[in-house]
Amino acid sequence: MFLQVWGGSCYLANKVLFSLGAKSRVNSTKLQITAWLVYLLGVPAWVIILAGHQNWIAASVEAGGIPSMLLGLYNSISEERQAKQIANVLVSVCTYAALVLGVSYSVSTHGGIGSIAQVLEFGVMLGFLFGSYYMAKRSNWGWGFFMLMNVSMASLMFLQGKPILMGQQLLSLAFVVYGFISVRKKSANLVITE
């Protein structure tokens, strides 16, 4: 129960802060920095929970997403607004390595892809890694991938009897949708005023 509250609250706080940052024009950078930091604090709880249920794809994704989160944190703090090319390449390598490692270990352990849980883990994997990557690069594609991740993880947590984390994922989904709508409105307003 403690791990569910720890991981779930950090994850939910991350999505709330991201969505508020998308809406805000004044404190956007501070909210994004805090969002990245809060999520990093929740990663250990998620890895323990997922590994405990032998969700190897999702567990490796959580751990493998740390470089993307650090890149997002760097981009939020940096005056340059874009990480150096070497950092982008390093994050890409870590992202793809996590994909290969997680899928390979899951297939090896379970003797293939034969369960609904593994299919949901693929949704989590794609949504989390590409969502974090695109959010770190300040691309709106990140919001769409986070939606896929939230729906997949909520379904996985439902199947595994984790109601706190399922509810947290559905709440997070609402904030992701809100953030996406806010970013789209902000972009539309910028186009109109220019």
N, C-alpha and C. Protein backbone atom coordinates (compact mmCIF):
# COMPACT_ATOMS: atom_id res chain seq x y z
N MET A 1 0.83 -1.19 0.00
CA MET A 1 0.00 0.00 0.00
C MET A 1 0.88 1.27 0.00
N PHE A 2 1.96 1.22 0.81
CA PHE A 2 2.86 2.36 0.89
C PHE A 2 3.45 2.69 -0.48
N LEU A 3 3.89 1.65 -1.20
CA LEU A 3 4.48 1.86 -2.52
C LEU A 3 3.46 2.45 -3.50
N GLN A 4 2.21 1.99 -3.42
CA GLN A 4 1.16 2.53 -4.29
C GLN A 4 0.95 4.02 -4.04
N VAL A 5 0.91 4.40 -2.77
CA VAL A 5 0.71 5.81 -2.43
C VAL A 5 1.92 6.63 -2.85
N TRP A 6 3.13 6.13 -2.57
CA TRP A 6 4.36 6.83 -2.93
C TRP A 6 4.46 7.02 -4.44
N GLY A 7 4.44 5.94 -5.18
CA GLY A 7 4.57 6.03 -6.64
C GLY A 7 3.41 6.76 -7.29
N GLY A 8 2.21 6.47 -6.82
CA GLY A 8 1.02 7.10 -7.40
C GLY A 8 0.96 8.59 -7.15
N SER A 9 1.30 9.02 -5.93
CA SER A 9 1.22 10.46 -5.64
C SER A 9 2.29 11.25 -6.41
N CYS A 10 3.48 10.68 -6.54
CA CYS A 10 4.53 11.37 -7.31
C CYS A 10 4.13 11.47 -8.78
N TYR A 11 3.59 10.39 -9.30
CA TYR A 11 3.19 10.38 -10.71
C TYR A 11 2.05 11.36 -10.95
N LEU A 12 1.06 11.36 -10.08
CA LEU A 12 -0.07 12.27 -10.23
C LEU A 12 0.39 13.72 -10.09
N ALA A 13 1.25 14.00 -9.12
CA ALA A 13 1.77 15.36 -8.95
C ALA A 13 2.50 15.81 -10.21
N ASN A 14 3.24 14.90 -10.84
CA ASN A 14 3.94 15.22 -12.09
C ASN A 14 2.95 15.67 -13.15
N LYS A 15 1.87 14.94 -13.33
CA LYS A 15 0.90 15.27 -14.37
C LYS A 15 0.16 16.57 -14.05
N VAL A 16 -0.15 16.79 -12.77
CA VAL A 16 -0.82 18.03 -12.36
C VAL A 16 0.09 19.22 -12.66
N LEU A 17 1.36 19.10 -12.29
CA LEU A 17 2.31 20.19 -12.51
C LEU A 17 2.54 20.45 -13.99
N PHE A 18 2.65 19.38 -14.80
CA PHE A 18 2.80 19.55 -16.24
C PHE A 18 1.59 20.27 -16.84
N SER A 19 0.40 19.85 -16.42
CA SER A 19 -0.81 20.47 -17.00
C SER A 19 -0.95 21.92 -16.57
N LEU A 20 -0.60 22.23 -15.32
CA LEU A 20 -0.64 23.62 -14.86
C LEU A 20 0.42 24.45 -15.58
N GLY A 21 1.59 23.85 -15.81
CA GLY A 21 2.65 24.54 -16.55
C GLY A 21 2.26 24.83 -17.98
N ALA A 22 1.48 23.94 -18.57
CA ALA A 22 1.02 24.15 -19.95
C ALA A 22 0.05 25.32 -20.01
N LYS A 23 -0.71 25.51 -18.95
CA LYS A 23 -1.71 26.59 -18.91
C LYS A 23 -1.07 27.93 -18.52
N SER A 24 -0.08 27.87 -17.64
CA SER A 24 0.52 29.08 -17.08
C SER A 24 1.48 29.75 -18.06
N ARG A 25 1.49 31.05 -18.02
CA ARG A 25 2.48 31.81 -18.81
C ARG A 25 3.57 32.38 -17.90
N VAL A 26 3.27 32.43 -16.60
CA VAL A 26 4.19 33.06 -15.66
C VAL A 26 5.15 32.06 -15.02
N ASN A 27 4.62 30.99 -14.43
CA ASN A 27 5.44 30.04 -13.68
C ASN A 27 5.70 28.75 -14.45
N SER A 28 5.58 28.76 -15.74
CA SER A 28 5.69 27.55 -16.54
C SER A 28 6.99 26.81 -16.31
N THR A 29 8.12 27.50 -16.32
CA THR A 29 9.42 26.85 -16.16
C THR A 29 9.56 26.22 -14.78
N LYS A 30 9.17 26.94 -13.73
CA LYS A 30 9.27 26.40 -12.37
C LYS A 30 8.39 25.17 -12.21
N LEU A 31 7.19 25.22 -12.80
CA LEU A 31 6.29 24.07 -12.71
C LEU A 31 6.86 22.86 -13.45
N GLN A 32 7.47 23.10 -14.60
CA GLN A 32 8.06 21.99 -15.35
C GLN A 32 9.24 21.38 -14.61
N ILE A 33 10.09 22.21 -14.04
CA ILE A 33 11.24 21.72 -13.27
C ILE A 33 10.75 20.85 -12.10
N THR A 34 9.77 21.35 -11.37
CA THR A 34 9.22 20.60 -10.24
C THR A 34 8.58 19.30 -10.72
N ALA A 35 7.89 19.35 -11.86
CA ALA A 35 7.24 18.15 -12.40
C ALA A 35 8.27 17.06 -12.69
N TRP A 36 9.38 17.43 -13.33
CA TRP A 36 10.41 16.44 -13.64
C TRP A 36 11.00 15.86 -12.35
N LEU A 37 11.29 16.72 -11.36
CA LEU A 37 11.89 16.26 -10.11
C LEU A 37 10.95 15.32 -9.34
N VAL A 38 9.68 15.67 -9.27
CA VAL A 38 8.71 14.86 -8.54
C VAL A 38 8.59 13.47 -9.18
N TYR A 39 8.58 13.43 -10.50
CA TYR A 39 8.47 12.12 -11.15
C TYR A 39 9.70 11.27 -10.83
N LEU A 40 10.88 11.86 -10.89
CA LEU A 40 12.09 11.12 -10.57
C LEU A 40 12.04 10.51 -9.17
N LEU A 41 11.43 11.23 -8.23
CA LEU A 41 11.29 10.71 -6.86
C LEU A 41 10.38 9.49 -6.79
N GLY A 42 9.44 9.38 -7.71
CA GLY A 42 8.50 8.25 -7.69
C GLY A 42 8.97 7.01 -8.43
N VAL A 43 10.02 7.12 -9.20
CA VAL A 43 10.48 5.99 -10.02
C VAL A 43 10.79 4.74 -9.20
N PRO A 44 11.52 4.84 -8.07
CA PRO A 44 11.82 3.61 -7.32
C PRO A 44 10.57 2.82 -6.91
N ALA A 45 9.54 3.50 -6.48
CA ALA A 45 8.31 2.80 -6.07
C ALA A 45 7.69 2.06 -7.24
N TRP A 46 7.64 2.71 -8.39
CA TRP A 46 7.06 2.08 -9.57
C TRP A 46 7.87 0.85 -9.99
N VAL A 47 9.18 0.95 -9.98
CA VAL A 47 10.02 -0.18 -10.38
C VAL A 47 9.81 -1.36 -9.44
N ILE A 48 9.73 -1.10 -8.15
CA ILE A 48 9.52 -2.18 -7.17
C ILE A 48 8.16 -2.84 -7.39
N ILE A 49 7.11 -2.05 -7.57
CA ILE A 49 5.76 -2.59 -7.79
C ILE A 49 5.71 -3.44 -9.05
N LEU A 50 6.23 -2.90 -10.14
CA LEU A 50 6.15 -3.60 -11.42
C LEU A 50 7.01 -4.86 -11.44
N ALA A 51 8.21 -4.78 -10.89
CA ALA A 51 9.07 -5.97 -10.84
C ALA A 51 8.45 -7.04 -9.94
N GLY A 52 7.76 -6.61 -8.89
CA GLY A 52 7.10 -7.55 -7.99
C GLY A 52 6.02 -8.37 -8.67
N HIS A 53 5.44 -7.85 -9.74
CA HIS A 53 4.43 -8.57 -10.52
C HIS A 53 5.01 -9.14 -11.81
N GLN A 54 6.31 -9.14 -11.92
CA GLN A 54 7.03 -9.62 -13.10
C GLN A 54 6.59 -8.88 -14.38
N ASN A 55 6.29 -7.60 -14.23
CA ASN A 55 6.00 -6.74 -15.37
C ASN A 55 7.33 -6.15 -15.83
N TRP A 56 8.15 -6.98 -16.44
CA TRP A 56 9.52 -6.61 -16.77
C TRP A 56 9.60 -5.52 -17.82
N ILE A 57 8.67 -5.51 -18.76
CA ILE A 57 8.69 -4.47 -19.79
C ILE A 57 8.44 -3.12 -19.13
N ALA A 58 7.38 -3.04 -18.34
CA ALA A 58 7.03 -1.77 -17.70
C ALA A 58 8.09 -1.34 -16.69
N ALA A 59 8.66 -2.29 -15.94
CA ALA A 59 9.69 -1.95 -14.96
C ALA A 59 10.94 -1.39 -15.65
N SER A 60 11.34 -2.02 -16.75
CA SER A 60 12.53 -1.52 -17.45
C SER A 60 12.27 -0.18 -18.10
N VAL A 61 11.02 0.05 -18.48
CA VAL A 61 10.64 1.33 -19.07
C VAL A 61 10.76 2.44 -18.03
N GLU A 62 10.28 2.17 -16.84
CA GLU A 62 10.38 3.17 -15.77
C GLU A 62 11.84 3.53 -15.52
N ALA A 63 12.67 2.52 -15.38
CA ALA A 63 14.10 2.78 -15.14
C ALA A 63 14.75 3.40 -16.38
N GLY A 64 14.40 2.91 -17.56
CA GLY A 64 14.99 3.40 -18.80
C GLY A 64 14.55 4.80 -19.18
N GLY A 65 13.46 5.27 -18.60
CA GLY A 65 12.97 6.61 -18.90
C GLY A 65 13.68 7.71 -18.12
N ILE A 66 14.51 7.33 -17.16
CA ILE A 66 15.20 8.33 -16.34
C ILE A 66 16.04 9.29 -17.19
N PRO A 67 16.79 8.83 -18.20
CA PRO A 67 17.54 9.79 -19.02
C PRO A 67 16.63 10.81 -19.73
N SER A 68 15.46 10.39 -20.19
CA SER A 68 14.53 11.34 -20.81
C SER A 68 14.05 12.38 -19.80
N MET A 69 13.79 11.91 -18.57
CA MET A 69 13.36 12.84 -17.53
C MET A 69 14.47 13.83 -17.19
N LEU A 70 15.70 13.33 -17.13
CA LEU A 70 16.83 14.22 -16.85
C LEU A 70 17.03 15.23 -17.99
N LEU A 71 16.81 14.79 -19.23
CA LEU A 71 16.89 15.70 -20.37
C LEU A 71 15.79 16.76 -20.27
N GLY A 72 14.58 16.34 -19.90
CA GLY A 72 13.50 17.30 -19.70
C GLY A 72 13.83 18.31 -18.61
N LEU A 73 14.41 17.82 -17.52
CA LEU A 73 14.82 18.70 -16.44
C LEU A 73 15.89 19.67 -16.92
N TYR A 74 16.88 19.16 -17.66
CA TYR A 74 17.94 20.02 -18.20
C TYR A 74 17.35 21.09 -19.12
N ASN A 75 16.46 20.67 -20.02
CA ASN A 75 15.86 21.63 -20.95
C ASN A 75 15.01 22.68 -20.23
N SER A 76 14.40 22.28 -19.12
CA SER A 76 13.59 23.23 -18.35
C SER A 76 14.47 24.25 -17.61
N ILE A 77 15.63 23.81 -17.16
CA ILE A 77 16.54 24.68 -16.41
C ILE A 77 17.41 25.52 -17.35
N SER A 78 17.85 24.95 -18.45
CA SER A 78 18.82 25.57 -19.35
C SER A 78 18.27 26.81 -20.03
N GLU A 79 19.14 27.77 -20.17
CA GLU A 79 18.80 28.98 -20.91
C GLU A 79 18.74 28.74 -22.41
N GLU A 80 19.48 27.73 -22.88
CA GLU A 80 19.55 27.45 -24.30
C GLU A 80 18.24 26.91 -24.86
N ARG A 81 17.45 26.29 -24.01
CA ARG A 81 16.17 25.70 -24.39
C ARG A 81 16.28 24.41 -25.19
N GLN A 82 17.44 24.02 -25.59
CA GLN A 82 17.63 22.74 -26.28
C GLN A 82 18.93 22.12 -25.80
N ALA A 83 18.85 20.84 -25.50
CA ALA A 83 20.05 20.13 -25.06
C ALA A 83 21.02 19.98 -26.23
N LYS A 84 22.25 19.79 -25.91
CA LYS A 84 23.26 19.55 -26.94
C LYS A 84 22.93 18.25 -27.67
N GLN A 85 23.41 18.16 -28.88
CA GLN A 85 23.13 16.99 -29.72
C GLN A 85 23.58 15.69 -29.05
N ILE A 86 24.71 15.72 -28.35
CA ILE A 86 25.21 14.52 -27.69
C ILE A 86 24.23 14.03 -26.63
N ALA A 87 23.60 14.94 -25.91
CA ALA A 87 22.61 14.56 -24.90
C ALA A 87 21.39 13.91 -25.55
N ASN A 88 20.95 14.47 -26.67
CA ASN A 88 19.81 13.87 -27.38
C ASN A 88 20.13 12.47 -27.86
N VAL A 89 21.34 12.27 -28.38
CA VAL A 89 21.74 10.95 -28.85
C VAL A 89 21.81 9.97 -27.68
N LEU A 90 22.39 10.40 -26.57
CA LEU A 90 22.49 9.55 -25.40
C LEU A 90 21.11 9.12 -24.89
N VAL A 91 20.18 10.06 -24.82
CA VAL A 91 18.82 9.74 -24.39
C VAL A 91 18.17 8.75 -25.35
N SER A 92 18.36 8.96 -26.65
CA SER A 92 17.80 8.03 -27.64
C SER A 92 18.37 6.63 -27.47
N VAL A 93 19.67 6.53 -27.26
CA VAL A 93 20.30 5.22 -27.06
C VAL A 93 19.74 4.54 -25.81
N CYS A 94 19.61 5.28 -24.73
CA CYS A 94 19.06 4.72 -23.49
C CYS A 94 17.61 4.28 -23.68
N THR A 95 16.84 5.08 -24.40
CA THR A 95 15.44 4.76 -24.66
C THR A 95 15.33 3.44 -25.42
N TYR A 96 16.08 3.32 -26.51
CA TYR A 96 16.00 2.10 -27.31
C TYR A 96 16.59 0.90 -26.58
N ALA A 97 17.63 1.11 -25.79
CA ALA A 97 18.21 0.01 -25.01
C ALA A 97 17.20 -0.51 -23.99
N ALA A 98 16.46 0.41 -23.36
CA ALA A 98 15.43 0.00 -22.40
C ALA A 98 14.33 -0.80 -23.09
N LEU A 99 13.94 -0.36 -24.28
CA LEU A 99 12.93 -1.10 -25.05
C LEU A 99 13.39 -2.53 -25.32
N VAL A 100 14.60 -2.67 -25.83
CA VAL A 100 15.13 -3.99 -26.18
C VAL A 100 15.28 -4.86 -24.93
N LEU A 101 15.85 -4.30 -23.87
CA LEU A 101 16.07 -5.06 -22.65
C LEU A 101 14.75 -5.53 -22.04
N GLY A 102 13.81 -4.64 -21.89
CA GLY A 102 12.53 -4.99 -21.27
C GLY A 102 11.76 -6.02 -22.05
N VAL A 103 11.67 -5.83 -23.36
CA VAL A 103 10.93 -6.78 -24.19
C VAL A 103 11.64 -8.13 -24.21
N SER A 104 12.95 -8.12 -24.37
CA SER A 104 13.71 -9.38 -24.42
C SER A 104 13.56 -10.18 -23.12
N TYR A 105 13.68 -9.50 -22.00
CA TYR A 105 13.59 -10.20 -20.71
C TYR A 105 12.18 -10.74 -20.48
N SER A 106 11.17 -9.96 -20.84
CA SER A 106 9.79 -10.40 -20.68
C SER A 106 9.49 -11.61 -21.55
N VAL A 107 9.92 -11.55 -22.81
CA VAL A 107 9.70 -12.67 -23.73
C VAL A 107 10.44 -13.92 -23.22
N SER A 108 11.67 -13.74 -22.74
CA SER A 108 12.45 -14.86 -22.22
C SER A 108 11.80 -15.46 -20.98
N THR A 109 11.39 -14.61 -20.05
CA THR A 109 10.81 -15.07 -18.79
C THR A 109 9.46 -15.75 -18.99
N HIS A 110 8.63 -15.17 -19.84
CA HIS A 110 7.26 -15.68 -20.03
C HIS A 110 7.13 -16.62 -21.23
N GLY A 111 8.22 -16.87 -21.93
CA GLY A 111 8.16 -17.77 -23.07
C GLY A 111 7.41 -17.20 -24.26
N GLY A 112 7.46 -15.89 -24.44
CA GLY A 112 6.78 -15.24 -25.55
C GLY A 112 5.86 -14.14 -25.06
N ILE A 113 5.05 -13.64 -25.98
CA ILE A 113 4.03 -12.63 -25.62
C ILE A 113 2.70 -13.37 -25.63
N GLY A 114 2.24 -13.72 -24.45
CA GLY A 114 1.04 -14.55 -24.41
C GLY A 114 -0.01 -14.09 -23.41
N SER A 115 0.16 -12.88 -22.89
CA SER A 115 -0.84 -12.44 -21.90
C SER A 115 -1.30 -11.02 -22.20
N ILE A 116 -2.48 -10.72 -21.70
CA ILE A 116 -3.01 -9.36 -21.85
C ILE A 116 -2.11 -8.37 -21.11
N ALA A 117 -1.57 -8.80 -19.98
CA ALA A 117 -0.69 -7.92 -19.21
C ALA A 117 0.52 -7.49 -20.05
N GLN A 118 1.10 -8.41 -20.81
CA GLN A 118 2.25 -8.05 -21.63
C GLN A 118 1.85 -7.08 -22.74
N VAL A 119 0.68 -7.27 -23.33
CA VAL A 119 0.21 -6.34 -24.37
C VAL A 119 0.02 -4.95 -23.78
N LEU A 120 -0.56 -4.90 -22.57
CA LEU A 120 -0.72 -3.60 -21.90
C LEU A 120 0.63 -2.98 -21.58
N GLU A 121 1.60 -3.81 -21.22
CA GLU A 121 2.95 -3.30 -20.96
C GLU A 121 3.55 -2.66 -22.20
N PHE A 122 3.25 -3.20 -23.38
CA PHE A 122 3.72 -2.58 -24.62
C PHE A 122 3.14 -1.18 -24.77
N GLY A 123 1.85 -1.01 -24.42
CA GLY A 123 1.24 0.32 -24.44
C GLY A 123 1.90 1.26 -23.46
N VAL A 124 2.20 0.74 -22.27
CA VAL A 124 2.91 1.54 -21.26
C VAL A 124 4.29 1.92 -21.79
N MET A 125 4.98 0.94 -22.36
CA MET A 125 6.34 1.16 -22.86
C MET A 125 6.37 2.26 -23.92
N LEU A 126 5.55 2.11 -24.93
CA LEU A 126 5.53 3.10 -26.00
C LEU A 126 5.10 4.47 -25.48
N GLY A 127 4.05 4.49 -24.68
CA GLY A 127 3.54 5.76 -24.15
C GLY A 127 4.52 6.46 -23.25
N PHE A 128 5.15 5.72 -22.35
CA PHE A 128 6.07 6.34 -21.40
C PHE A 128 7.35 6.82 -22.06
N LEU A 129 8.01 5.93 -22.77
CA LEU A 129 9.30 6.31 -23.34
C LEU A 129 9.16 7.42 -24.38
N PHE A 130 8.23 7.27 -25.30
CA PHE A 130 8.08 8.30 -26.32
C PHE A 130 7.40 9.55 -25.76
N GLY A 131 6.51 9.38 -24.80
CA GLY A 131 5.90 10.55 -24.15
C GLY A 131 6.94 11.38 -23.42
N SER A 132 7.79 10.71 -22.62
CA SER A 132 8.85 11.43 -21.90
C SER A 132 9.84 12.07 -22.87
N TYR A 133 10.18 11.33 -23.91
CA TYR A 133 11.13 11.84 -24.89
C TYR A 133 10.58 13.09 -25.59
N TYR A 134 9.34 13.03 -26.06
CA TYR A 134 8.77 14.18 -26.76
C TYR A 134 8.48 15.35 -25.82
N MET A 135 8.11 15.05 -24.55
CA MET A 135 7.91 16.14 -23.60
C MET A 135 9.25 16.82 -23.30
N ALA A 136 10.32 16.02 -23.20
CA ALA A 136 11.65 16.58 -22.95
C ALA A 136 12.07 17.49 -24.10
N LYS A 137 11.63 17.17 -25.31
CA LYS A 137 11.95 17.99 -26.48
C LYS A 137 10.89 19.08 -26.72
N ARG A 138 9.96 19.21 -25.78
CA ARG A 138 8.90 20.22 -25.83
C ARG A 138 8.01 20.05 -27.06
N SER A 139 7.68 18.81 -27.36
CA SER A 139 6.81 18.50 -28.49
C SER A 139 5.44 18.07 -27.97
N ASN A 140 4.38 18.51 -28.63
CA ASN A 140 3.03 18.14 -28.22
C ASN A 140 2.73 16.65 -28.41
N TRP A 141 3.53 15.94 -29.18
CA TRP A 141 3.35 14.50 -29.33
C TRP A 141 3.45 13.80 -27.98
N GLY A 142 4.19 14.38 -27.05
CA GLY A 142 4.33 13.78 -25.72
C GLY A 142 3.01 13.57 -25.01
N TRP A 143 2.10 14.53 -25.15
CA TRP A 143 0.80 14.41 -24.50
C TRP A 143 0.03 13.20 -25.01
N GLY A 144 0.02 12.98 -26.31
CA GLY A 144 -0.69 11.84 -26.89
C GLY A 144 -0.12 10.51 -26.42
N PHE A 145 1.21 10.42 -26.36
CA PHE A 145 1.82 9.18 -25.88
C PHE A 145 1.55 8.97 -24.39
N PHE A 146 1.49 10.06 -23.61
CA PHE A 146 1.15 9.92 -22.20
C PHE A 146 -0.28 9.40 -22.02
N MET A 147 -1.18 9.81 -22.92
CA MET A 147 -2.56 9.30 -22.85
C MET A 147 -2.57 7.78 -23.05
N LEU A 148 -1.84 7.30 -24.05
CA LEU A 148 -1.73 5.86 -24.29
C LEU A 148 -1.16 5.17 -23.06
N MET A 149 -0.14 5.74 -22.47
CA MET A 149 0.48 5.15 -21.29
C MET A 149 -0.49 5.08 -20.13
N ASN A 150 -1.24 6.16 -19.87
CA ASN A 150 -2.17 6.17 -18.75
C ASN A 150 -3.27 5.13 -18.90
N VAL A 151 -3.84 5.01 -20.08
CA VAL A 151 -4.90 4.03 -20.32
C VAL A 151 -4.35 2.61 -20.16
N SER A 152 -3.17 2.37 -20.72
CA SER A 152 -2.56 1.03 -20.63
C SER A 152 -2.21 0.68 -19.18
N MET A 153 -1.61 1.62 -18.45
CA MET A 153 -1.21 1.34 -17.06
C MET A 153 -2.43 1.21 -16.15
N ALA A 154 -3.46 2.01 -16.36
CA ALA A 154 -4.68 1.88 -15.56
C ALA A 154 -5.28 0.49 -15.76
N SER A 155 -5.30 0.03 -16.99
CA SER A 155 -5.84 -1.31 -17.28
C SER A 155 -4.98 -2.40 -16.64
N LEU A 156 -3.67 -2.24 -16.70
CA LEU A 156 -2.76 -3.21 -16.08
C LEU A 156 -2.94 -3.25 -14.57
N MET A 157 -3.06 -2.09 -13.94
CA MET A 157 -3.24 -2.03 -12.50
C MET A 157 -4.60 -2.61 -12.09
N PHE A 158 -5.62 -2.43 -12.92
CA PHE A 158 -6.92 -3.05 -12.67
C PHE A 158 -6.80 -4.57 -12.68
N LEU A 159 -6.12 -5.10 -13.69
CA LEU A 159 -5.93 -6.56 -13.80
C LEU A 159 -5.15 -7.13 -12.62
N GLN A 160 -4.25 -6.33 -12.05
CA GLN A 160 -3.39 -6.83 -10.98
C GLN A 160 -3.85 -6.43 -9.58
N GLY A 161 -5.07 -5.91 -9.50
CA GLY A 161 -5.65 -5.62 -8.20
C GLY A 161 -5.00 -4.48 -7.44
N LYS A 162 -4.61 -3.44 -8.15
CA LYS A 162 -4.00 -2.25 -7.53
C LYS A 162 -4.94 -1.06 -7.74
N PRO A 163 -6.03 -0.97 -6.94
CA PRO A 163 -7.04 0.07 -7.18
C PRO A 163 -6.53 1.50 -6.98
N ILE A 164 -5.60 1.70 -6.06
CA ILE A 164 -5.08 3.05 -5.83
C ILE A 164 -4.34 3.53 -7.08
N LEU A 165 -3.50 2.66 -7.63
CA LEU A 165 -2.74 3.05 -8.82
C LEU A 165 -3.63 3.14 -10.06
N MET A 166 -4.66 2.31 -10.14
CA MET A 166 -5.59 2.43 -11.26
C MET A 166 -6.29 3.79 -11.22
N GLY A 167 -6.80 4.16 -10.04
CA GLY A 167 -7.46 5.46 -9.89
C GLY A 167 -6.52 6.62 -10.17
N GLN A 168 -5.29 6.50 -9.68
CA GLN A 168 -4.29 7.54 -9.92
C GLN A 168 -4.01 7.68 -11.41
N GLN A 169 -3.95 6.58 -12.13
CA GLN A 169 -3.70 6.64 -13.57
C GLN A 169 -4.86 7.33 -14.30
N LEU A 170 -6.08 7.05 -13.88
CA LEU A 170 -7.24 7.69 -14.52
C LEU A 170 -7.28 9.19 -14.21
N LEU A 171 -6.92 9.56 -12.97
CA LEU A 171 -6.82 10.98 -12.64
C LEU A 171 -5.71 11.65 -13.45
N SER A 172 -4.59 10.95 -13.59
CA SER A 172 -3.49 11.47 -14.39
C SER A 172 -3.91 11.68 -15.83
N LEU A 173 -4.69 10.74 -16.35
CA LEU A 173 -5.19 10.86 -17.72
C LEU A 173 -5.99 12.15 -17.89
N ALA A 174 -6.83 12.47 -16.90
CA ALA A 174 -7.62 13.71 -16.97
C ALA A 174 -6.70 14.93 -17.03
N PHE A 175 -5.63 14.93 -16.25
CA PHE A 175 -4.71 16.06 -16.26
C PHE A 175 -3.89 16.12 -17.55
N VAL A 176 -3.57 14.97 -18.11
CA VAL A 176 -2.85 14.94 -19.39
C VAL A 176 -3.73 15.53 -20.49
N VAL A 177 -5.00 15.14 -20.50
CA VAL A 177 -5.94 15.69 -21.49
C VAL A 177 -6.07 17.20 -21.29
N TYR A 178 -6.19 17.63 -20.05
CA TYR A 178 -6.28 19.07 -19.74
C TYR A 178 -5.03 19.81 -20.22
N GLY A 179 -3.85 19.24 -19.96
CA GLY A 179 -2.60 19.85 -20.40
C GLY A 179 -2.51 19.95 -21.90
N PHE A 180 -2.92 18.89 -22.59
CA PHE A 180 -2.90 18.88 -24.05
C PHE A 180 -3.82 19.96 -24.61
N ILE A 181 -5.02 20.06 -24.06
CA ILE A 181 -5.97 21.10 -24.52
C ILE A 181 -5.40 22.48 -24.25
N SER A 182 -4.77 22.68 -23.09
CA SER A 182 -4.18 23.98 -22.75
C SER A 182 -3.07 24.36 -23.71
N VAL A 183 -2.22 23.40 -24.05
CA VAL A 183 -1.12 23.67 -24.98
C VAL A 183 -1.67 24.01 -26.36
N ARG A 184 -2.67 23.28 -26.79
CA ARG A 184 -3.27 23.54 -28.11
C ARG A 184 -3.89 24.94 -28.15
N LYS A 185 -4.59 25.32 -27.07
CA LYS A 185 -5.19 26.67 -27.02
C LYS A 185 -4.11 27.74 -27.00
N LYS A 186 -3.04 27.51 -26.24
CA LYS A 186 -1.95 28.48 -26.17
C LYS A 186 -1.31 28.65 -27.55
N SER A 187 -1.11 27.52 -28.25
CA SER A 187 -0.54 27.58 -29.61
C SER A 187 -1.46 28.31 -30.56
N ALA A 188 -2.76 28.06 -30.45
CA ALA A 188 -3.72 28.73 -31.33
C ALA A 188 -3.74 30.24 -31.05
N ASN A 189 -3.64 30.62 -29.78
CA ASN A 189 -3.62 32.04 -29.42
C ASN A 189 -2.36 32.73 -29.94
N LEU A 190 -1.22 32.04 -29.91
CA LEU A 190 0.01 32.62 -30.44
C LEU A 190 -0.08 32.85 -31.94
N VAL A 191 -0.69 31.91 -32.66
CA VAL A 191 -0.84 32.04 -34.11
C VAL A 191 -1.76 33.22 -34.44
N ILE A 192 -2.84 33.35 -33.66
CA ILE A 192 -3.79 34.43 -33.91
C ILE A 192 -3.18 35.80 -33.64
N THR A 193 -2.39 35.92 -32.56
CA THR A 193 -1.80 37.22 -32.20
C THR A 193 -0.63 37.61 -33.11
N GLU A 194 -0.02 36.62 -33.74
CA GLU A 194 1.10 36.94 -34.64
C GLU A 194 0.53 37.40 -35.92
